[in-house]
PDB file of N, CA and C in Angstrom:
ATOM      1  N   UNK A   1      28.152 -29.052 -38.461  1.00  0.00           N
ATOM      2  CA  UNK A   1      28.146 -28.263 -39.677  1.00  0.00           C
ATOM      3  C   UNK A   1      27.266 -28.949 -40.707  1.00  0.00           C
ATOM      4  N   UNK A   2      26.436 -28.187 -41.365  1.00  0.00           N
ATOM      5  CA  UNK A   2      25.573 -28.709 -42.417  1.00  0.00           C
ATOM      6  C   UNK A   2      25.674 -27.798 -43.629  1.00  0.00           C
ATOM      7  N   UNK A   3      25.539 -28.381 -44.778  1.00  0.00           N
ATOM      8  CA  UNK A   3      25.539 -27.613 -46.014  1.00  0.00           C
ATOM      9  C   UNK A   3      24.269 -27.929 -46.778  1.00  0.00           C
ATOM     10  N   UNK A   4      23.693 -26.887 -47.356  1.00  0.00           N
ATOM     11  CA  UNK A   4      22.486 -27.052 -48.158  1.00  0.00           C
ATOM     12  C   UNK A   4      22.742 -26.376 -49.497  1.00  0.00           C
ATOM     13  N   UNK A   5      22.347 -27.050 -50.558  1.00  0.00           N
ATOM     14  CA  UNK A   5      22.455 -26.430 -51.868  1.00  0.00           C
ATOM     15  C   UNK A   5      21.372 -26.994 -52.775  1.00  0.00           C
ATOM     16  N   UNK A   6      21.055 -26.221 -53.785  1.00  0.00           N
ATOM     17  CA  UNK A   6      20.147 -26.670 -54.832  1.00  0.00           C
ATOM     18  C   UNK A   6      21.005 -26.845 -56.078  1.00  0.00           C
ATOM     19  N   UNK A   7      20.998 -28.035 -56.646  1.00  0.00           N
ATOM     20  CA  UNK A   7      21.792 -28.310 -57.844  1.00  0.00           C
ATOM     21  C   UNK A   7      21.392 -27.386 -58.982  1.00  0.00           C
ATOM     22  N   UNK A   8      22.363 -27.031 -59.782  1.00  0.00           N
ATOM     23  CA  UNK A   8      22.189 -26.046 -60.853  1.00  0.00           C
ATOM     24  C   UNK A   8      20.934 -26.284 -61.699  1.00  0.00           C
ATOM     25  N   UNK A   9      20.677 -27.496 -62.109  1.00  0.00           N
ATOM     26  CA  UNK A   9      19.529 -27.782 -62.970  1.00  0.00           C
ATOM     27  C   UNK A   9      18.169 -27.612 -62.304  1.00  0.00           C
ATOM     28  N   UNK A  10      18.169 -27.414 -60.983  1.00  0.00           N
ATOM     29  CA  UNK A  10      16.908 -27.281 -60.247  1.00  0.00           C
ATOM     30  C   UNK A  10      16.712 -25.886 -59.667  1.00  0.00           C
ATOM     31  N   UNK A  11      17.587 -24.969 -60.000  1.00  0.00           N
ATOM     32  CA  UNK A  11      17.501 -23.611 -59.453  1.00  0.00           C
ATOM     33  C   UNK A  11      16.407 -22.813 -60.147  1.00  0.00           C
ATOM     34  N   UNK A  12      16.069 -21.691 -59.527  1.00  0.00           N
ATOM     35  CA  UNK A  12      15.054 -20.761 -60.052  1.00  0.00           C
ATOM     36  C   UNK A  12      13.669 -21.379 -60.094  1.00  0.00           C
ATOM     37  N   UNK A  13      13.405 -22.297 -59.166  1.00  0.00           N
ATOM     38  CA  UNK A  13      12.080 -22.909 -59.052  1.00  0.00           C
ATOM     39  C   UNK A  13      11.496 -22.711 -57.660  1.00  0.00           C
ATOM     40  N   UNK A  14      12.172 -21.931 -56.817  1.00  0.00           N
ATOM     41  CA  UNK A  14      11.690 -21.680 -55.469  1.00  0.00           C
ATOM     42  C   UNK A  14      12.087 -22.742 -54.457  1.00  0.00           C
ATOM     43  N   UNK A  15      12.959 -23.670 -54.854  1.00  0.00           N
ATOM     44  CA  UNK A  15      13.340 -24.749 -53.939  1.00  0.00           C
ATOM     45  C   UNK A  15      14.174 -24.241 -52.767  1.00  0.00           C
ATOM     46  N   UNK A  16      15.122 -23.343 -53.030  1.00  0.00           N
ATOM     47  CA  UNK A  16      15.942 -22.794 -51.949  1.00  0.00           C
ATOM     48  C   UNK A  16      15.093 -22.067 -50.927  1.00  0.00           C
ATOM     49  N   UNK A  17      14.168 -21.264 -51.411  1.00  0.00           N
ATOM     50  CA  UNK A  17      13.260 -20.540 -50.511  1.00  0.00           C
ATOM     51  C   UNK A  17      12.416 -21.516 -49.698  1.00  0.00           C
ATOM     52  N   UNK A  18      11.898 -22.534 -50.343  1.00  0.00           N
ATOM     53  CA  UNK A  18      11.079 -23.529 -49.640  1.00  0.00           C
ATOM     54  C   UNK A  18      11.894 -24.284 -48.590  1.00  0.00           C
ATOM     55  N   UNK A  19      13.128 -24.654 -48.929  1.00  0.00           N
ATOM     56  CA  UNK A  19      13.997 -25.342 -47.964  1.00  0.00           C
ATOM     57  C   UNK A  19      14.251 -24.460 -46.747  1.00  0.00           C
ATOM     58  N   UNK A  20      14.590 -23.205 -46.989  1.00  0.00           N
ATOM     59  CA  UNK A  20      14.882 -22.296 -45.883  1.00  0.00           C
ATOM     60  C   UNK A  20      13.645 -22.033 -45.026  1.00  0.00           C
ATOM     61  N   UNK A  21      12.506 -21.828 -45.661  1.00  0.00           N
ATOM     62  CA  UNK A  21      11.287 -21.576 -44.895  1.00  0.00           C
ATOM     63  C   UNK A  21      10.897 -22.800 -44.064  1.00  0.00           C
ATOM     64  N   UNK A  22      11.071 -23.991 -44.600  1.00  0.00           N
ATOM     65  CA  UNK A  22      10.781 -25.212 -43.840  1.00  0.00           C
ATOM     66  C   UNK A  22      11.727 -25.355 -42.649  1.00  0.00           C
ATOM     67  N   UNK A  23      13.011 -25.096 -42.877  1.00  0.00           N
ATOM     68  CA  UNK A  23      13.990 -25.176 -41.791  1.00  0.00           C
ATOM     69  C   UNK A  23      13.681 -24.155 -40.707  1.00  0.00           C
ATOM     70  N   UNK A  24      13.346 -22.938 -41.118  1.00  0.00           N
ATOM     71  CA  UNK A  24      13.015 -21.898 -40.141  1.00  0.00           C
ATOM     72  C   UNK A  24      11.783 -22.266 -39.334  1.00  0.00           C
ATOM     73  N   UNK A  25      10.780 -22.857 -39.978  1.00  0.00           N
ATOM     74  CA  UNK A  25       9.573 -23.273 -39.251  1.00  0.00           C
ATOM     75  C   UNK A  25       9.917 -24.335 -38.210  1.00  0.00           C
ATOM     76  N   UNK A  26      10.726 -25.318 -38.596  1.00  0.00           N
ATOM     77  CA  UNK A  26      11.138 -26.354 -37.647  1.00  0.00           C
ATOM     78  C   UNK A  26      11.850 -25.734 -36.447  1.00  0.00           C
ATOM     79  N   UNK A  27      12.712 -24.774 -36.709  1.00  0.00           N
ATOM     80  CA  UNK A  27      13.442 -24.118 -35.625  1.00  0.00           C
ATOM     81  C   UNK A  27      12.507 -23.298 -34.735  1.00  0.00           C
ATOM     82  N   UNK A  28      11.603 -22.524 -35.352  1.00  0.00           N
ATOM     83  CA  UNK A  28      10.627 -21.739 -34.568  1.00  0.00           C
ATOM     84  C   UNK A  28       9.779 -22.650 -33.695  1.00  0.00           C
ATOM     85  N   UNK A  29       9.319 -23.767 -34.263  1.00  0.00           N
ATOM     86  CA  UNK A  29       8.483 -24.716 -33.518  1.00  0.00           C
ATOM     87  C   UNK A  29       9.217 -25.299 -32.315  1.00  0.00           C
ATOM     88  N   UNK A  30      10.535 -25.272 -32.356  1.00  0.00           N
ATOM     89  CA  UNK A  30      11.353 -25.795 -31.252  1.00  0.00           C
ATOM     90  C   UNK A  30      11.846 -24.682 -30.329  1.00  0.00           C
ATOM     91  N   UNK A  31      11.338 -23.468 -30.553  1.00  0.00           N
ATOM     92  CA  UNK A  31      11.657 -22.368 -29.658  1.00  0.00           C
ATOM     93  C   UNK A  31      12.952 -21.628 -29.949  1.00  0.00           C
ATOM     94  N   UNK A  32      13.541 -21.857 -31.111  1.00  0.00           N
ATOM     95  CA  UNK A  32      14.777 -21.162 -31.468  1.00  0.00           C
ATOM     96  C   UNK A  32      14.436 -19.718 -31.838  1.00  0.00           C
ATOM     97  N   UNK A  33      15.183 -18.777 -31.284  1.00  0.00           N
ATOM     98  CA  UNK A  33      14.875 -17.357 -31.459  1.00  0.00           C
ATOM     99  C   UNK A  33      15.553 -16.731 -32.677  1.00  0.00           C
ATOM    100  N   UNK A  34      16.706 -17.253 -33.059  1.00  0.00           N
ATOM    101  CA  UNK A  34      17.394 -16.698 -34.227  1.00  0.00           C
ATOM    102  C   UNK A  34      18.239 -17.788 -34.880  1.00  0.00           C
ATOM    103  N   UNK A  35      18.585 -17.532 -36.124  1.00  0.00           N
ATOM    104  CA  UNK A  35      19.367 -18.497 -36.892  1.00  0.00           C
ATOM    105  C   UNK A  35      20.522 -17.766 -37.572  1.00  0.00           C
ATOM    106  N   UNK A  36      21.660 -18.445 -37.644  1.00  0.00           N
ATOM    107  CA  UNK A  36      22.839 -17.891 -38.296  1.00  0.00           C
ATOM    108  C   UNK A  36      23.320 -18.861 -39.359  1.00  0.00           C
ATOM    109  N   UNK A  37      23.983 -18.320 -40.376  1.00  0.00           N
ATOM    110  CA  UNK A  37      24.548 -19.157 -41.430  1.00  0.00           C
ATOM    111  C   UNK A  37      25.771 -18.489 -42.004  1.00  0.00           C
ATOM    112  N   UNK A  38      26.556 -19.256 -42.706  1.00  0.00           N
ATOM    113  CA  UNK A  38      27.714 -18.737 -43.431  1.00  0.00           C
ATOM    114  C   UNK A  38      27.490 -19.032 -44.907  1.00  0.00           C
ATOM    115  N   UNK A  39      27.780 -18.053 -45.742  1.00  0.00           N
ATOM    116  CA  UNK A  39      27.620 -18.204 -47.183  1.00  0.00           C
ATOM    117  C   UNK A  39      28.868 -17.648 -47.865  1.00  0.00           C
ATOM    118  N   UNK A  40      29.363 -18.379 -48.850  1.00  0.00           N
ATOM    119  CA  UNK A  40      30.544 -17.917 -49.575  1.00  0.00           C
ATOM    120  C   UNK A  40      30.312 -16.520 -50.142  1.00  0.00           C
ATOM    121  N   UNK A  41      31.324 -15.681 -50.011  1.00  0.00           N
ATOM    122  CA  UNK A  41      31.205 -14.308 -50.507  1.00  0.00           C
ATOM    123  C   UNK A  41      30.962 -14.250 -52.012  1.00  0.00           C
ATOM    124  N   UNK A  42      31.386 -15.268 -52.746  1.00  0.00           N
ATOM    125  CA  UNK A  42      31.211 -15.270 -54.203  1.00  0.00           C
ATOM    126  C   UNK A  42      29.857 -15.844 -54.626  1.00  0.00           C
ATOM    127  N   UNK A  43      29.051 -16.298 -53.680  1.00  0.00           N
ATOM    128  CA  UNK A  43      27.769 -16.926 -54.003  1.00  0.00           C
ATOM    129  C   UNK A  43      26.657 -15.871 -54.000  1.00  0.00           C
ATOM    130  N   UNK A  44      26.674 -15.026 -55.030  1.00  0.00           N
ATOM    131  CA  UNK A  44      25.738 -13.906 -55.102  1.00  0.00           C
ATOM    132  C   UNK A  44      24.277 -14.329 -55.069  1.00  0.00           C
ATOM    133  N   UNK A  45      23.930 -15.415 -55.746  1.00  0.00           N
ATOM    134  CA  UNK A  45      22.529 -15.849 -55.781  1.00  0.00           C
ATOM    135  C   UNK A  45      22.044 -16.237 -54.388  1.00  0.00           C
ATOM    136  N   UNK A  46      22.863 -16.967 -53.641  1.00  0.00           N
ATOM    137  CA  UNK A  46      22.460 -17.366 -52.291  1.00  0.00           C
ATOM    138  C   UNK A  46      22.360 -16.145 -51.376  1.00  0.00           C
ATOM    139  N   UNK A  47      23.302 -15.226 -51.499  1.00  0.00           N
ATOM    140  CA  UNK A  47      23.264 -14.010 -50.677  1.00  0.00           C
ATOM    141  C   UNK A  47      21.978 -13.236 -50.947  1.00  0.00           C
ATOM    142  N   UNK A  48      21.598 -13.110 -52.213  1.00  0.00           N
ATOM    143  CA  UNK A  48      20.347 -12.421 -52.568  1.00  0.00           C
ATOM    144  C   UNK A  48      19.147 -13.133 -51.952  1.00  0.00           C
ATOM    145  N   UNK A  49      19.136 -14.462 -52.018  1.00  0.00           N
ATOM    146  CA  UNK A  49      18.038 -15.234 -51.426  1.00  0.00           C
ATOM    147  C   UNK A  49      17.954 -14.966 -49.928  1.00  0.00           C
ATOM    148  N   UNK A  50      19.079 -15.089 -49.235  1.00  0.00           N
ATOM    149  CA  UNK A  50      19.059 -14.894 -47.787  1.00  0.00           C
ATOM    150  C   UNK A  50      18.630 -13.482 -47.422  1.00  0.00           C
ATOM    151  N   UNK A  51      19.054 -12.483 -48.182  1.00  0.00           N
ATOM    152  CA  UNK A  51      18.618 -11.104 -47.911  1.00  0.00           C
ATOM    153  C   UNK A  51      17.108 -10.969 -48.107  1.00  0.00           C
ATOM    154  N   UNK A  52      16.581 -11.587 -49.175  1.00  0.00           N
ATOM    155  CA  UNK A  52      15.124 -11.544 -49.403  1.00  0.00           C
ATOM    156  C   UNK A  52      14.369 -12.200 -48.258  1.00  0.00           C
ATOM    157  N   UNK A  53      14.986 -13.212 -47.648  1.00  0.00           N
ATOM    158  CA  UNK A  53      14.342 -13.922 -46.537  1.00  0.00           C
ATOM    159  C   UNK A  53      14.554 -13.233 -45.192  1.00  0.00           C
ATOM    160  N   UNK A  54      15.257 -12.100 -45.193  1.00  0.00           N
ATOM    161  CA  UNK A  54      15.393 -11.314 -43.977  1.00  0.00           C
ATOM    162  C   UNK A  54      16.699 -11.468 -43.215  1.00  0.00           C
ATOM    163  N   UNK A  55      17.697 -12.105 -43.817  1.00  0.00           N
ATOM    164  CA  UNK A  55      18.996 -12.275 -43.171  1.00  0.00           C
ATOM    165  C   UNK A  55      19.845 -11.028 -43.387  1.00  0.00           C
ATOM    166  N   UNK A  56      20.610 -10.664 -42.357  1.00  0.00           N
ATOM    167  CA  UNK A  56      21.541  -9.536 -42.424  1.00  0.00           C
ATOM    168  C   UNK A  56      22.964 -10.053 -42.261  1.00  0.00           C
ATOM    169  N   UNK A  57      23.896  -9.403 -42.936  1.00  0.00           N
ATOM    170  CA  UNK A  57      25.307  -9.735 -42.753  1.00  0.00           C
ATOM    171  C   UNK A  57      25.743  -9.173 -41.408  1.00  0.00           C
ATOM    172  N   UNK A  58      26.327 -10.037 -40.582  1.00  0.00           N
ATOM    173  CA  UNK A  58      26.755  -9.620 -39.243  1.00  0.00           C
ATOM    174  C   UNK A  58      28.253  -9.805 -39.025  1.00  0.00           C
ATOM    175  N   UNK A  59      28.952 -10.343 -40.007  1.00  0.00           N
ATOM    176  CA  UNK A  59      30.387 -10.557 -39.867  1.00  0.00           C
ATOM    177  C   UNK A  59      30.916 -11.339 -41.047  1.00  0.00           C
ATOM    178  N   UNK A  60      32.134 -11.785 -40.908  1.00  0.00           N
ATOM    179  CA  UNK A  60      32.743 -12.591 -41.964  1.00  0.00           C
ATOM    180  C   UNK A  60      33.642 -13.639 -41.337  1.00  0.00           C
ATOM    181  N   UNK A  61      33.929 -14.669 -42.115  1.00  0.00           N
ATOM    182  CA  UNK A  61      34.785 -15.751 -41.631  1.00  0.00           C
ATOM    183  C   UNK A  61      35.438 -16.421 -42.832  1.00  0.00           C
ATOM    184  N   UNK A  62      36.242 -17.392 -42.534  1.00  0.00           N
ATOM    185  CA  UNK A  62      36.797 -18.256 -43.575  1.00  0.00           C
ATOM    186  C   UNK A  62      36.349 -19.668 -43.226  1.00  0.00           C
ATOM    187  N   UNK A  63      35.551 -20.260 -44.088  1.00  0.00           N
ATOM    188  CA  UNK A  63      35.059 -21.618 -43.895  1.00  0.00           C
ATOM    189  C   UNK A  63      35.962 -22.570 -44.678  1.00  0.00           C
ATOM    190  N   UNK A  64      36.264 -23.703 -44.101  1.00  0.00           N
ATOM    191  CA  UNK A  64      37.128 -24.682 -44.759  1.00  0.00           C
ATOM    192  C   UNK A  64      36.372 -25.990 -44.923  1.00  0.00           C
ATOM    193  N   UNK A  65      36.372 -26.520 -46.142  1.00  0.00           N
ATOM    194  CA  UNK A  65      35.790 -27.833 -46.355  1.00  0.00           C
ATOM    195  C   UNK A  65      36.572 -28.561 -47.438  1.00  0.00           C
ATOM    196  N   UNK A  66      36.493 -29.891 -47.444  1.00  0.00           N
ATOM    197  CA  UNK A  66      37.255 -30.667 -48.414  1.00  0.00           C
ATOM    198  C   UNK A  66      36.665 -30.574 -49.814  1.00  0.00           C
ATOM    199  N   UNK A  67      37.547 -30.503 -50.790  1.00  0.00           N
ATOM    200  CA  UNK A  67      37.131 -30.512 -52.189  1.00  0.00           C
ATOM    201  C   UNK A  67      37.943 -31.585 -52.916  1.00  0.00           C
ATOM    202  N   UNK A  68      37.313 -32.245 -53.889  1.00  0.00           N
ATOM    203  CA  UNK A  68      38.002 -33.329 -54.597  1.00  0.00           C
ATOM    204  C   UNK A  68      39.107 -32.820 -55.515  1.00  0.00           C
ATOM    205  N   UNK A  69      40.167 -33.546 -55.523  1.00  0.00           N
ATOM    206  CA  UNK A  69      41.295 -33.290 -56.427  1.00  0.00           C
ATOM    207  C   UNK A  69      41.166 -34.223 -57.634  1.00  0.00           C
ATOM    208  N   UNK A  70      41.858 -33.949 -58.742  1.00  0.00           N
ATOM    209  CA  UNK A  70      41.773 -34.816 -59.931  1.00  0.00           C
ATOM    210  C   UNK A  70      42.117 -36.283 -59.649  1.00  0.00           C
ATOM    211  N   UNK A  71      42.982 -36.527 -58.670  1.00  0.00           N
ATOM    212  CA  UNK A  71      43.361 -37.916 -58.363  1.00  0.00           C
ATOM    213  C   UNK A  71      42.364 -38.605 -57.425  1.00  0.00           C
ATOM    214  N   UNK A  72      41.282 -37.910 -57.067  1.00  0.00           N
ATOM    215  CA  UNK A  72      40.265 -38.493 -56.193  1.00  0.00           C
ATOM    216  C   UNK A  72      40.466 -38.202 -54.723  1.00  0.00           C
ATOM    217  N   UNK A  73      41.604 -37.656 -54.356  1.00  0.00           N
ATOM    218  CA  UNK A  73      41.834 -37.302 -52.952  1.00  0.00           C
ATOM    219  C   UNK A  73      41.041 -36.033 -52.612  1.00  0.00           C
ATOM    220  N   UNK A  74      40.923 -35.765 -51.331  1.00  0.00           N
ATOM    221  CA  UNK A  74      40.206 -34.583 -50.868  1.00  0.00           C
ATOM    222  C   UNK A  74      41.211 -33.632 -50.233  1.00  0.00           C
ATOM    223  N   UNK A  75      41.116 -32.358 -50.585  1.00  0.00           N
ATOM    224  CA  UNK A  75      42.029 -31.351 -50.076  1.00  0.00           C
ATOM    225  C   UNK A  75      41.218 -30.263 -49.395  1.00  0.00           C
ATOM    226  N   UNK A  76      41.557 -29.893 -48.149  1.00  0.00           N
ATOM    227  CA  UNK A  76      40.828 -28.802 -47.495  1.00  0.00           C
ATOM    228  C   UNK A  76      41.106 -27.470 -48.207  1.00  0.00           C
ATOM    229  N   UNK A  77      40.041 -26.725 -48.478  1.00  0.00           N
ATOM    230  CA  UNK A  77      40.157 -25.445 -49.181  1.00  0.00           C
ATOM    231  C   UNK A  77      39.434 -24.383 -48.363  1.00  0.00           C
ATOM    232  N   UNK A  78      40.057 -23.217 -48.204  1.00  0.00           N
ATOM    233  CA  UNK A  78      39.458 -22.098 -47.487  1.00  0.00           C
ATOM    234  C   UNK A  78      38.540 -21.307 -48.410  1.00  0.00           C
ATOM    235  N   UNK A  79      37.388 -20.899 -47.866  1.00  0.00           N
ATOM    236  CA  UNK A  79      36.406 -20.127 -48.615  1.00  0.00           C
ATOM    237  C   UNK A  79      35.982 -18.919 -47.784  1.00  0.00           C
ATOM    238  N   UNK A  80      36.325 -17.697 -48.212  1.00  0.00           N
ATOM    239  CA  UNK A  80      35.854 -16.515 -47.498  1.00  0.00           C
ATOM    240  C   UNK A  80      34.325 -16.487 -47.510  1.00  0.00           C
ATOM    241  N   UNK A  81      33.733 -16.195 -46.362  1.00  0.00           N
ATOM    242  CA  UNK A  81      32.272 -16.264 -46.233  1.00  0.00           C
ATOM    243  C   UNK A  81      31.725 -15.090 -45.426  1.00  0.00           C
ATOM    244  N   UNK A  82      30.493 -14.740 -45.734  1.00  0.00           N
ATOM    245  CA  UNK A  82      29.741 -13.802 -44.909  1.00  0.00           C
ATOM    246  C   UNK A  82      28.996 -14.594 -43.854  1.00  0.00           C
ATOM    247  N   UNK A  83      28.939 -14.061 -42.645  1.00  0.00           N
ATOM    248  CA  UNK A  83      28.082 -14.616 -41.605  1.00  0.00           C
ATOM    249  C   UNK A  83      26.790 -13.821 -41.636  1.00  0.00           C
ATOM    250  N   UNK A  84      25.677 -14.520 -41.693  1.00  0.00           N
ATOM    251  CA  UNK A  84      24.377 -13.861 -41.782  1.00  0.00           C
ATOM    252  C   UNK A  84      23.482 -14.358 -40.653  1.00  0.00           C
ATOM    253  N   UNK A  85      22.562 -13.496 -40.224  1.00  0.00           N
ATOM    254  CA  UNK A  85      21.711 -13.820 -39.082  1.00  0.00           C
ATOM    255  C   UNK A  85      20.297 -13.288 -39.318  1.00  0.00           C
ATOM    256  N   UNK A  86      19.337 -14.003 -38.743  1.00  0.00           N
ATOM    257  CA  UNK A  86      17.938 -13.603 -38.826  1.00  0.00           C
ATOM    258  C   UNK A  86      17.246 -13.963 -37.529  1.00  0.00           C
ATOM    259  N   UNK A  87      16.455 -13.027 -37.007  1.00  0.00           N
ATOM    260  CA  UNK A  87      15.610 -13.339 -35.862  1.00  0.00           C
ATOM    261  C   UNK A  87      14.365 -14.036 -36.372  1.00  0.00           C
ATOM    262  N   UNK A  88      14.015 -15.115 -35.686  1.00  0.00           N
ATOM    263  CA  UNK A  88      12.822 -15.863 -36.077  1.00  0.00           C
ATOM    264  C   UNK A  88      11.626 -15.328 -35.319  1.00  0.00           C
TER     265      UNK A  88
END
């Protein structure tokens, strides 16, 4: 599992698009035919980016990852997500 994000202060500069296009090129160069990803349903900006890049929603899931608690511990939290796919 890998996560990619652009920090808030660096958004709207084309970095997300550049990251995705670079990743897709690496995958194409290695013969990968399609790519899938999961994106939180509440992450409208990322969903718009992926749609612009040619990804389609193909399903849904619940992704779980640890999030920090005020005491510094990590607690697993469920996040409803769209599954998206693109043919390379």
